[in-house]
Structure formats: C-alpha cells, structure tokens
PDB file of all heavy atoms in Angstrom:
ATOM      1  N   VAL A   1      96.056  90.106  85.016  1.00  0.00           N
ATOM      2  CA  VAL A   1      97.451  90.494  84.832  1.00  0.00           C
ATOM      3  C   VAL A   1      97.729  91.689  85.735  1.00  0.00           C
ATOM      4  O   VAL A   1      96.899  92.594  85.844  1.00  0.00           O
ATOM      5  CB  VAL A   1      97.701  90.883  83.350  1.00  0.00           C
ATOM      6  CG1 VAL A   1      99.089  91.478  83.157  1.00  0.00           C
ATOM      7  CG2 VAL A   1      97.485  89.686  82.444  1.00  0.00           C
ATOM      8  N   ALA A   2      98.897  91.690  86.381  1.00  0.00           N
ATOM      9  CA  ALA A   2      99.306  92.836  87.192  1.00  0.00           C
ATOM     10  C   ALA A   2      99.920  93.901  86.284  1.00  0.00           C
ATOM     11  O   ALA A   2     100.370  93.611  85.177  1.00  0.00           O
ATOM     12  CB  ALA A   2     100.318  92.406  88.246  1.00  0.00           C
ATOM     13  N   ASP A   3      99.947  95.121  86.767  1.00  0.00           N
ATOM     14  CA  ASP A   3     100.568  96.232  86.041  1.00  0.00           C
ATOM     15  C   ASP A   3     102.024  95.877  85.717  1.00  0.00           C
ATOM     16  O   ASP A   3     102.689  95.181  86.481  1.00  0.00           O
ATOM     17  CB  ASP A   3     100.509  97.500  86.898  1.00  0.00           C
ATOM     18  CG  ASP A   3     100.965  98.708  86.144  1.00  0.00           C
ATOM     19  OD1 ASP A   3     102.189  98.919  86.082  1.00  0.00           O
ATOM     20  OD2 ASP A   3     100.117  99.428  85.597  1.00  0.00           O
ATOM     21  N   SER A   4     102.509  96.368  84.603  1.00  0.00           N
ATOM     22  CA  SER A   4     103.863  96.021  84.159  1.00  0.00           C
ATOM     23  C   SER A   4     104.963  96.559  85.078  1.00  0.00           C
ATOM     24  O   SER A   4     106.084  96.073  85.054  1.00  0.00           O
ATOM     25  CB  SER A   4     104.090  96.517  82.729  1.00  0.00           C
ATOM     26  OG  SER A   4     103.945  97.907  82.681  1.00  0.00           O
ATOM     27  N   SER A   5     104.661  97.545  85.894  1.00  0.00           N
ATOM     28  CA  SER A   5     105.665  98.106  86.801  1.00  0.00           C
ATOM     29  C   SER A   5     105.523  97.532  88.210  1.00  0.00           C
ATOM     30  O   SER A   5     105.661  98.239  89.200  1.00  0.00           O
ATOM     31  CB  SER A   5     105.562  99.631  86.826  1.00  0.00           C
ATOM     32  OG  SER A   5     104.265 100.018  87.231  1.00  0.00           O
ATOM     33  N   VAL A   6     105.268  96.235  88.277  1.00  0.00           N
ATOM     34  CA  VAL A   6     104.985  95.553  89.541  1.00  0.00           C
ATOM     35  C   VAL A   6     106.135  95.618  90.540  1.00  0.00           C
ATOM     36  O   VAL A   6     105.927  95.907  91.715  1.00  0.00           O
ATOM     37  CB  VAL A   6     104.624  94.076  89.270  1.00  0.00           C
ATOM     38  CG1 VAL A   6     104.610  93.256  90.529  1.00  0.00           C
ATOM     39  CG2 VAL A   6     103.301  93.981  88.562  1.00  0.00           C
ATOM     40  N   ASP A   7     107.341  95.350  90.099  1.00  0.00           N
ATOM     41  CA  ASP A   7     108.455  95.205  91.036  1.00  0.00           C
ATOM     42  C   ASP A   7     108.686  96.436  91.915  1.00  0.00           C
ATOM     43  O   ASP A   7     108.768  96.304  93.136  1.00  0.00           O
ATOM     44  CB  ASP A   7     109.728  94.795  90.296  1.00  0.00           C
ATOM     45  CG  ASP A   7     109.593  93.411  89.670  1.00  0.00           C
ATOM     46  OD1 ASP A   7     108.793  92.606  90.182  1.00  0.00           O
ATOM     47  OD2 ASP A   7     110.283  93.139  88.673  1.00  0.00           O
ATOM     48  N   PRO A   8     108.771  97.648  91.354  1.00  0.00           N
ATOM     49  CA  PRO A   8     108.970  98.798  92.246  1.00  0.00           C
ATOM     50  C   PRO A   8     107.767  99.055  93.153  1.00  0.00           C
ATOM     51  O   PRO A   8     107.925  99.512  94.283  1.00  0.00           O
ATOM     52  CB  PRO A   8     109.208  99.973  91.303  1.00  0.00           C
ATOM     53  CG  PRO A   8     108.957  99.497  89.926  1.00  0.00           C
ATOM     54  CD  PRO A   8     108.875  98.007  89.946  1.00  0.00           C
ATOM     55  N   ILE A   9     106.569  98.760  92.673  1.00  0.00           N
ATOM     56  CA  ILE A   9     105.369  98.933  93.499  1.00  0.00           C
ATOM     57  C   ILE A   9     105.431  98.016  94.710  1.00  0.00           C
ATOM     58  O   ILE A   9     105.178  98.424  95.845  1.00  0.00           O
ATOM     59  CB  ILE A   9     104.085  98.673  92.674  1.00  0.00           C
ATOM     60  CG1 ILE A   9     103.910  99.754  91.603  1.00  0.00           C
ATOM     61  CG2 ILE A   9     102.855  98.595  93.582  1.00  0.00           C
ATOM     62  CD1 ILE A   9     102.819  99.456  90.587  1.00  0.00           C
ATOM     63  N   ILE A  10     105.793  96.752  94.483  1.00  0.00           N
ATOM     64  CA  ILE A  10     105.888  95.779  95.577  1.00  0.00           C
ATOM     65  C   ILE A  10     106.991  96.178  96.548  1.00  0.00           C
ATOM     66  O   ILE A  10     106.811  96.121  97.765  1.00  0.00           O
ATOM     67  CB  ILE A  10     106.102  94.351  95.025  1.00  0.00           C
ATOM     68  CG1 ILE A  10     104.823  93.868  94.338  1.00  0.00           C
ATOM     69  CG2 ILE A  10     106.522  93.398  96.137  1.00  0.00           C
ATOM     70  CD1 ILE A  10     104.965  92.553  93.606  1.00  0.00           C
ATOM     71  N   GLU A  11     108.124  96.597  96.034  1.00  0.00           N
ATOM     72  CA  GLU A  11     109.243  97.003  96.893  1.00  0.00           C
ATOM     73  C   GLU A  11     108.844  98.169  97.795  1.00  0.00           C
ATOM     74  O   GLU A  11     109.094  98.152  99.005  1.00  0.00           O
ATOM     75  CB  GLU A  11     110.443  97.387  96.017  1.00  0.00           C
ATOM     76  CG  GLU A  11     111.686  97.674  96.811  1.00  0.00           C
ATOM     77  CD  GLU A  11     112.859  97.974  95.896  1.00  0.00           C
ATOM     78  OE1 GLU A  11     113.006  97.307  94.851  1.00  0.00           O
ATOM     79  OE2 GLU A  11     113.628  98.892  96.247  1.00  0.00           O
ATOM     80  N   GLU A  12     108.206  99.165  97.219  1.00  0.00           N
ATOM     81  CA  GLU A  12     107.758 100.323  97.997  1.00  0.00           C
ATOM     82  C   GLU A  12     106.717  99.914  99.037  1.00  0.00           C
ATOM     83  O   GLU A  12     106.754 100.358 100.192  1.00  0.00           O
ATOM     84  CB  GLU A  12     107.183 101.377  97.057  1.00  0.00           C
ATOM     85  CG  GLU A  12     106.795 102.667  97.754  1.00  0.00           C
ATOM     86  CD  GLU A  12     106.284 103.703  96.766  1.00  0.00           C
ATOM     87  OE1 GLU A  12     107.006 103.991  95.797  1.00  0.00           O
ATOM     88  OE2 GLU A  12     105.168 104.216  96.979  1.00  0.00           O
ATOM     89  N   TYR A  13     105.797  99.052  98.633  1.00  0.00           N
ATOM     90  CA  TYR A  13     104.761  98.560  99.552  1.00  0.00           C
ATOM     91  C   TYR A  13     105.400  97.834 100.740  1.00  0.00           C
ATOM     92  O   TYR A  13     105.043  98.077 101.895  1.00  0.00           O
ATOM     93  CB  TYR A  13     103.799  97.637  98.794  1.00  0.00           C
ATOM     94  CG  TYR A  13     102.871  96.863  99.701  1.00  0.00           C
ATOM     95  CD1 TYR A  13     101.699  97.447 100.189  1.00  0.00           C
ATOM     96  CD2 TYR A  13     103.171  95.566 100.087  1.00  0.00           C
ATOM     97  CE1 TYR A  13     100.855  96.746 101.040  1.00  0.00           C
ATOM     98  CE2 TYR A  13     102.331  94.858 100.931  1.00  0.00           C
ATOM     99  CZ  TYR A  13     101.177  95.443 101.407  1.00  0.00           C
ATOM    100  OH  TYR A  13     100.349  94.761 102.253  1.00  0.00           O
ATOM    101  N   ARG A  14     106.345  96.932 100.462  1.00  0.00           N
ATOM    102  CA  ARG A  14     106.986  96.165 101.540  1.00  0.00           C
ATOM    103  C   ARG A  14     107.742  97.089 102.490  1.00  0.00           C
ATOM    104  O   ARG A  14     107.732  96.869 103.704  1.00  0.00           O
ATOM    105  CB  ARG A  14     107.938  95.111 100.963  1.00  0.00           C
ATOM    106  CG  ARG A  14     107.271  94.063 100.128  1.00  0.00           C
ATOM    107  CD  ARG A  14     107.031  92.734 100.715  1.00  0.00           C
ATOM    108  NE  ARG A  14     107.870  92.182 101.705  1.00  0.00           N
ATOM    109  CZ  ARG A  14     108.541  91.062 101.569  1.00  0.00           C
ATOM    110  NH1 ARG A  14     108.524  90.402 100.441  1.00  0.00           N
ATOM    111  NH2 ARG A  14     109.218  90.581 102.569  1.00  0.00           N
ATOM    112  N   GLU A  15     108.387  98.110 101.954  1.00  0.00           N
ATOM    113  CA  GLU A  15     109.100  99.070 102.811  1.00  0.00           C
ATOM    114  C   GLU A  15     108.122  99.842 103.683  1.00  0.00           C
ATOM    115  O   GLU A  15     108.369 100.059 104.866  1.00  0.00           O
ATOM    116  CB  GLU A  15     109.917 100.037 101.948  1.00  0.00           C
ATOM    117  CG  GLU A  15     111.157  99.413 101.350  1.00  0.00           C
ATOM    118  CD  GLU A  15     111.902 100.355 100.431  1.00  0.00           C
ATOM    119  OE1 GLU A  15     111.617 101.577 100.445  1.00  0.00           O
ATOM    120  OE2 GLU A  15     112.767  99.873  99.678  1.00  0.00           O
ATOM    121  N   GLU A  16     107.001 100.253 103.105  1.00  0.00           N
ATOM    122  CA  GLU A  16     106.033 101.057 103.847  1.00  0.00           C
ATOM    123  C   GLU A  16     105.336 100.257 104.944  1.00  0.00           C
ATOM    124  O   GLU A  16     105.126 100.763 106.039  1.00  0.00           O
ATOM    125  CB  GLU A  16     104.986 101.638 102.895  1.00  0.00           C
ATOM    126  CG  GLU A  16     104.002 102.555 103.593  1.00  0.00           C
ATOM    127  CD  GLU A  16     103.059 103.253 102.623  1.00  0.00           C
ATOM    128  OE1 GLU A  16     103.355 103.312 101.425  1.00  0.00           O
ATOM    129  OE2 GLU A  16     102.021 103.754 103.110  1.00  0.00           O
ATOM    130  N   TYR A  17     104.987  99.010 104.667  1.00  0.00           N
ATOM    131  CA  TYR A  17     104.190  98.236 105.629  1.00  0.00           C
ATOM    132  C   TYR A  17     105.017  97.293 106.494  1.00  0.00           C
ATOM    133  O   TYR A  17     104.481  96.713 107.440  1.00  0.00           O
ATOM    134  CB  TYR A  17     103.061  97.489 104.911  1.00  0.00           C
ATOM    135  CG  TYR A  17     102.004  98.447 104.436  1.00  0.00           C
ATOM    136  CD1 TYR A  17     102.033  98.956 103.141  1.00  0.00           C
ATOM    137  CD2 TYR A  17     101.024  98.909 105.305  1.00  0.00           C
ATOM    138  CE1 TYR A  17     101.091  99.884 102.721  1.00  0.00           C
ATOM    139  CE2 TYR A  17     100.084  99.836 104.894  1.00  0.00           C
ATOM    140  CZ  TYR A  17     100.126 100.317 103.594  1.00  0.00           C
ATOM    141  OH  TYR A  17      99.200 101.239 103.186  1.00  0.00           O
ATOM    142  N   GLY A  18     106.288  97.149 106.206  1.00  0.00           N
ATOM    143  CA  GLY A  18     107.162  96.344 107.054  1.00  0.00           C
ATOM    144  C   GLY A  18     106.594  94.978 107.374  1.00  0.00           C
ATOM    145  O   GLY A  18     106.137  94.261 106.488  1.00  0.00           O
ATOM    146  N   LYS A  19     106.595  94.632 108.664  1.00  0.00           N
ATOM    147  CA  LYS A  19     106.127  93.299 109.072  1.00  0.00           C
ATOM    148  C   LYS A  19     104.626  93.111 108.877  1.00  0.00           C
ATOM    149  O   LYS A  19     104.137  91.991 108.940  1.00  0.00           O
ATOM    150  CB  LYS A  19     106.529  93.013 110.517  1.00  0.00           C
ATOM    151  CG  LYS A  19     105.913  93.932 111.542  1.00  0.00           C
ATOM    152  CD  LYS A  19     106.404  93.582 112.940  1.00  0.00           C
ATOM    153  CE  LYS A  19     106.021  94.611 113.948  1.00  0.00           C
ATOM    154  NZ  LYS A  19     104.738  94.620 114.476  1.00  0.00           N
ATOM    155  N   ASP A  20     103.900  94.170 108.598  1.00  0.00           N
ATOM    156  CA  ASP A  20     102.455  94.075 108.380  1.00  0.00           C
ATOM    157  C   ASP A  20     102.085  93.951 106.892  1.00  0.00           C
ATOM    158  O   ASP A  20     100.946  94.155 106.515  1.00  0.00           O
ATOM    159  CB  ASP A  20     101.754  95.303 108.967  1.00  0.00           C
ATOM    160  CG  ASP A  20     101.843  95.332 110.483  1.00  0.00           C
ATOM    161  OD1 ASP A  20     101.878  94.253 111.102  1.00  0.00           O
ATOM    162  OD2 ASP A  20     101.885  96.448 111.037  1.00  0.00           O
ATOM    163  N   TYR A  21     103.070  93.588 106.068  1.00  0.00           N
ATOM    164  CA  TYR A  21     102.807  93.548 104.628  1.00  0.00           C
ATOM    165  C   TYR A  21     101.831  92.446 104.211  1.00  0.00           C
ATOM    166  O   TYR A  21     101.249  92.515 103.138  1.00  0.00           O
ATOM    167  CB  TYR A  21     104.111  93.463 103.832  1.00  0.00           C
ATOM    168  CG  TYR A  21     104.763  92.100 103.816  1.00  0.00           C
ATOM    169  CD1 TYR A  21     104.584  91.233 102.743  1.00  0.00           C
ATOM    170  CD2 TYR A  21     105.582  91.678 104.857  1.00  0.00           C
ATOM    171  CE1 TYR A  21     105.192  89.993 102.708  1.00  0.00           C
ATOM    172  CE2 TYR A  21     106.188  90.448 104.839  1.00  0.00           C
ATOM    173  CZ  TYR A  21     105.993  89.604 103.762  1.00  0.00           C
ATOM    174  OH  TYR A  21     106.594  88.378 103.731  1.00  0.00           O
ATOM    175  N   LEU A  22     101.588  91.433 105.042  1.00  0.00           N
ATOM    176  CA  LEU A  22     100.651  90.356 104.696  1.00  0.00           C
ATOM    177  C   LEU A  22      99.267  90.530 105.324  1.00  0.00           C
ATOM    178  O   LEU A  22      98.408  89.670 105.195  1.00  0.00           O
ATOM    179  CB  LEU A  22     101.226  88.992 105.086  1.00  0.00           C
ATOM    180  CG  LEU A  22     102.435  88.540 104.273  1.00  0.00           C
ATOM    181  CD1 LEU A  22     102.973  87.218 104.792  1.00  0.00           C
ATOM    182  CD2 LEU A  22     102.092  88.435 102.796  1.00  0.00           C
ATOM    183  N   VAL A  23      99.035  91.640 105.982  1.00  0.00           N
ATOM    184  CA  VAL A  23      97.731  91.922 106.587  1.00  0.00           C
ATOM    185  C   VAL A  23      96.729  92.217 105.456  1.00  0.00           C
ATOM    186  O   VAL A  23      96.997  93.064 104.598  1.00  0.00           O
ATOM    187  CB  VAL A  23      97.831  93.123 107.561  1.00  0.00           C
ATOM    188  CG1 VAL A  23      96.457  93.535 108.062  1.00  0.00           C
ATOM    189  CG2 VAL A  23      98.764  92.789 108.720  1.00  0.00           C
ATOM    190  N   PRO A  24      95.598  91.503 105.432  1.00  0.00           N
ATOM    191  CA  PRO A  24      94.631  91.682 104.334  1.00  0.00           C
ATOM    192  C   PRO A  24      94.230  93.126 104.057  1.00  0.00           C
ATOM    193  O   PRO A  24      94.118  93.513 102.895  1.00  0.00           O
ATOM    194  CB  PRO A  24      93.433  90.836 104.768  1.00  0.00           C
ATOM    195  CG  PRO A  24      94.048  89.733 105.572  1.00  0.00           C
ATOM    196  CD  PRO A  24      95.176  90.403 106.317  1.00  0.00           C
ATOM    197  N   GLU A  25      94.029  93.939 105.083  1.00  0.00           N
ATOM    198  CA  GLU A  25      93.648  95.339 104.857  1.00  0.00           C
ATOM    199  C   GLU A  25      94.733  96.092 104.090  1.00  0.00           C
ATOM    200  O   GLU A  25      94.438  96.918 103.231  1.00  0.00           O
ATOM    201  CB  GLU A  25      93.334  96.045 106.183  1.00  0.00           C
ATOM    202  CG  GLU A  25      92.021  95.622 106.804  1.00  0.00           C
ATOM    203  CD  GLU A  25      90.835  95.798 105.860  1.00  0.00           C
ATOM    204  OE1 GLU A  25      90.686  96.875 105.257  1.00  0.00           O
ATOM    205  OE2 GLU A  25      90.050  94.839 105.730  1.00  0.00           O
ATOM    206  N   ASN A  26      95.997  95.797 104.408  1.00  0.00           N
ATOM    207  CA  ASN A  26      97.100  96.431 103.697  1.00  0.00           C
ATOM    208  C   ASN A  26      97.215  95.885 102.273  1.00  0.00           C
ATOM    209  O   ASN A  26      97.516  96.618 101.336  1.00  0.00           O
ATOM    210  CB  ASN A  26      98.414  96.242 104.452  1.00  0.00           C
ATOM    211  CG  ASN A  26      98.390  96.912 105.810  1.00  0.00           C
ATOM    212  OD1 ASN A  26      97.603  97.831 106.046  1.00  0.00           O
ATOM    213  ND2 ASN A  26      99.219  96.447 106.714  1.00  0.00           N
ATOM    214  N   LEU A  27      96.973  94.593 102.126  1.00  0.00           N
ATOM    215  CA  LEU A  27      97.043  93.968 100.800  1.00  0.00           C
ATOM    216  C   LEU A  27      95.966  94.516  99.862  1.00  0.00           C
ATOM    217  O   LEU A  27      96.156  94.534  98.646  1.00  0.00           O
ATOM    218  CB  LEU A  27      96.937  92.454 100.910  1.00  0.00           C
ATOM    219  CG  LEU A  27      98.202  91.771 101.437  1.00  0.00           C
ATOM    220  CD1 LEU A  27      97.898  90.349 101.881  1.00  0.00           C
ATOM    221  CD2 LEU A  27      99.307  91.802 100.392  1.00  0.00           C
ATOM    222  N   LYS A  28      94.863  94.996 100.410  1.00  0.00           N
ATOM    223  CA  LYS A  28      93.834  95.627  99.570  1.00  0.00           C
ATOM    224  C   LYS A  28      94.397  96.890  98.907  1.00  0.00           C
ATOM    225  O   LYS A  28      94.083  97.184  97.752  1.00  0.00           O
ATOM    226  CB  LYS A  28      92.595  95.970 100.398  1.00  0.00           C
ATOM    227  CG  LYS A  28      91.799  94.752 100.817  1.00  0.00           C
ATOM    228  CD  LYS A  28      90.625  95.134 101.700  1.00  0.00           C
ATOM    229  CE  LYS A  28      89.904  93.902 102.199  1.00  0.00           C
ATOM    230  NZ  LYS A  28      88.794  94.231 103.111  1.00  0.00           N
ATOM    231  N   ILE A  29      95.230  97.600  99.620  1.00  0.00           N
ATOM    232  CA  ILE A  29      95.875  98.795  99.063  1.00  0.00           C
ATOM    233  C   ILE A  29      96.825  98.386  97.945  1.00  0.00           C
ATOM    234  O   ILE A  29      96.835  98.988  96.869  1.00  0.00           O
ATOM    235  CB  ILE A  29      96.604  99.579 100.184  1.00  0.00           C
ATOM    236  CG1 ILE A  29      95.585 100.111 101.186  1.00  0.00           C
ATOM    237  CG2 ILE A  29      97.472 100.688  99.610  1.00  0.00           C
ATOM    238  CD1 ILE A  29      96.170 100.570 102.495  1.00  0.00           C
ATOM    239  N   LEU A  30      97.596  97.324  98.194  1.00  0.00           N
ATOM    240  CA  LEU A  30      98.514  96.831  97.173  1.00  0.00           C
ATOM    241  C   LEU A  30      97.741  96.368  95.935  1.00  0.00           C
ATOM    242  O   LEU A  30      98.145  96.651  94.805  1.00  0.00           O
ATOM    243  CB  LEU A  30      99.366  95.691  97.719  1.00  0.00           C
ATOM    244  CG  LEU A  30     100.327  95.045  96.718  1.00  0.00           C
ATOM    245  CD1 LEU A  30     101.355  96.064  96.223  1.00  0.00           C
ATOM    246  CD2 LEU A  30     101.016  93.839  97.343  1.00  0.00           C
ATOM    247  N   ALA A  31      96.630  95.684  96.135  1.00  0.00           N
ATOM    248  CA  ALA A  31      95.825  95.198  95.008  1.00  0.00           C
ATOM    249  C   ALA A  31      95.413  96.352  94.103  1.00  0.00           C
ATOM    250  O   ALA A  31      95.466  96.243  92.873  1.00  0.00           O
ATOM    251  CB  ALA A  31      94.594  94.446  95.517  1.00  0.00           C
ATOM    252  N   ALA A  32      95.017  97.471  94.694  1.00  0.00           N
ATOM    253  CA  ALA A  32      94.612  98.634  93.902  1.00  0.00           C
ATOM    254  C   ALA A  32      95.800  99.193  93.107  1.00  0.00           C
ATOM    255  O   ALA A  32      95.643  99.612  91.967  1.00  0.00           O
ATOM    256  CB  ALA A  32      94.027  99.716  94.809  1.00  0.00           C
ATOM    257  N   GLN A  33      96.985  99.145  93.695  1.00  0.00           N
ATOM    258  CA  GLN A  33      98.177  99.666  93.023  1.00  0.00           C
ATOM    259  C   GLN A  33      98.652  98.744  91.898  1.00  0.00           C
ATOM    260  O   GLN A  33      99.251  99.201  90.931  1.00  0.00           O
ATOM    261  CB  GLN A  33      99.314  99.848  94.027  1.00  0.00           C
ATOM    262  CG  GLN A  33      99.036 100.922  95.051  1.00  0.00           C
ATOM    263  CD  GLN A  33     100.102 100.964  96.133  1.00  0.00           C
ATOM    264  OE1 GLN A  33     100.755  99.975  96.424  1.00  0.00           O
ATOM    265  NE2 GLN A  33     100.267 102.136  96.722  1.00  0.00           N
TER     266      GLN A  33
END
C-alpha cells in the first residue's frame, strides 16, 4: 500500500523531475517517498 498522502507527493515529484519522471533512478526516490 502507498502512503495515504500519495497525490501531493506524486504532483511534487512530477514537477521536480519534469520529463525525467519515468527514469528508474528518479523513480527510486519516489518509491521511498
């Protein structure tokens, strides 16, 4: 199960990583969050 505050975390992540949001190294950071 993902953390209950998923939506703002994902939104912030997508803004920070832009077009590189699907890069596995970046997704590892998202996974931790």
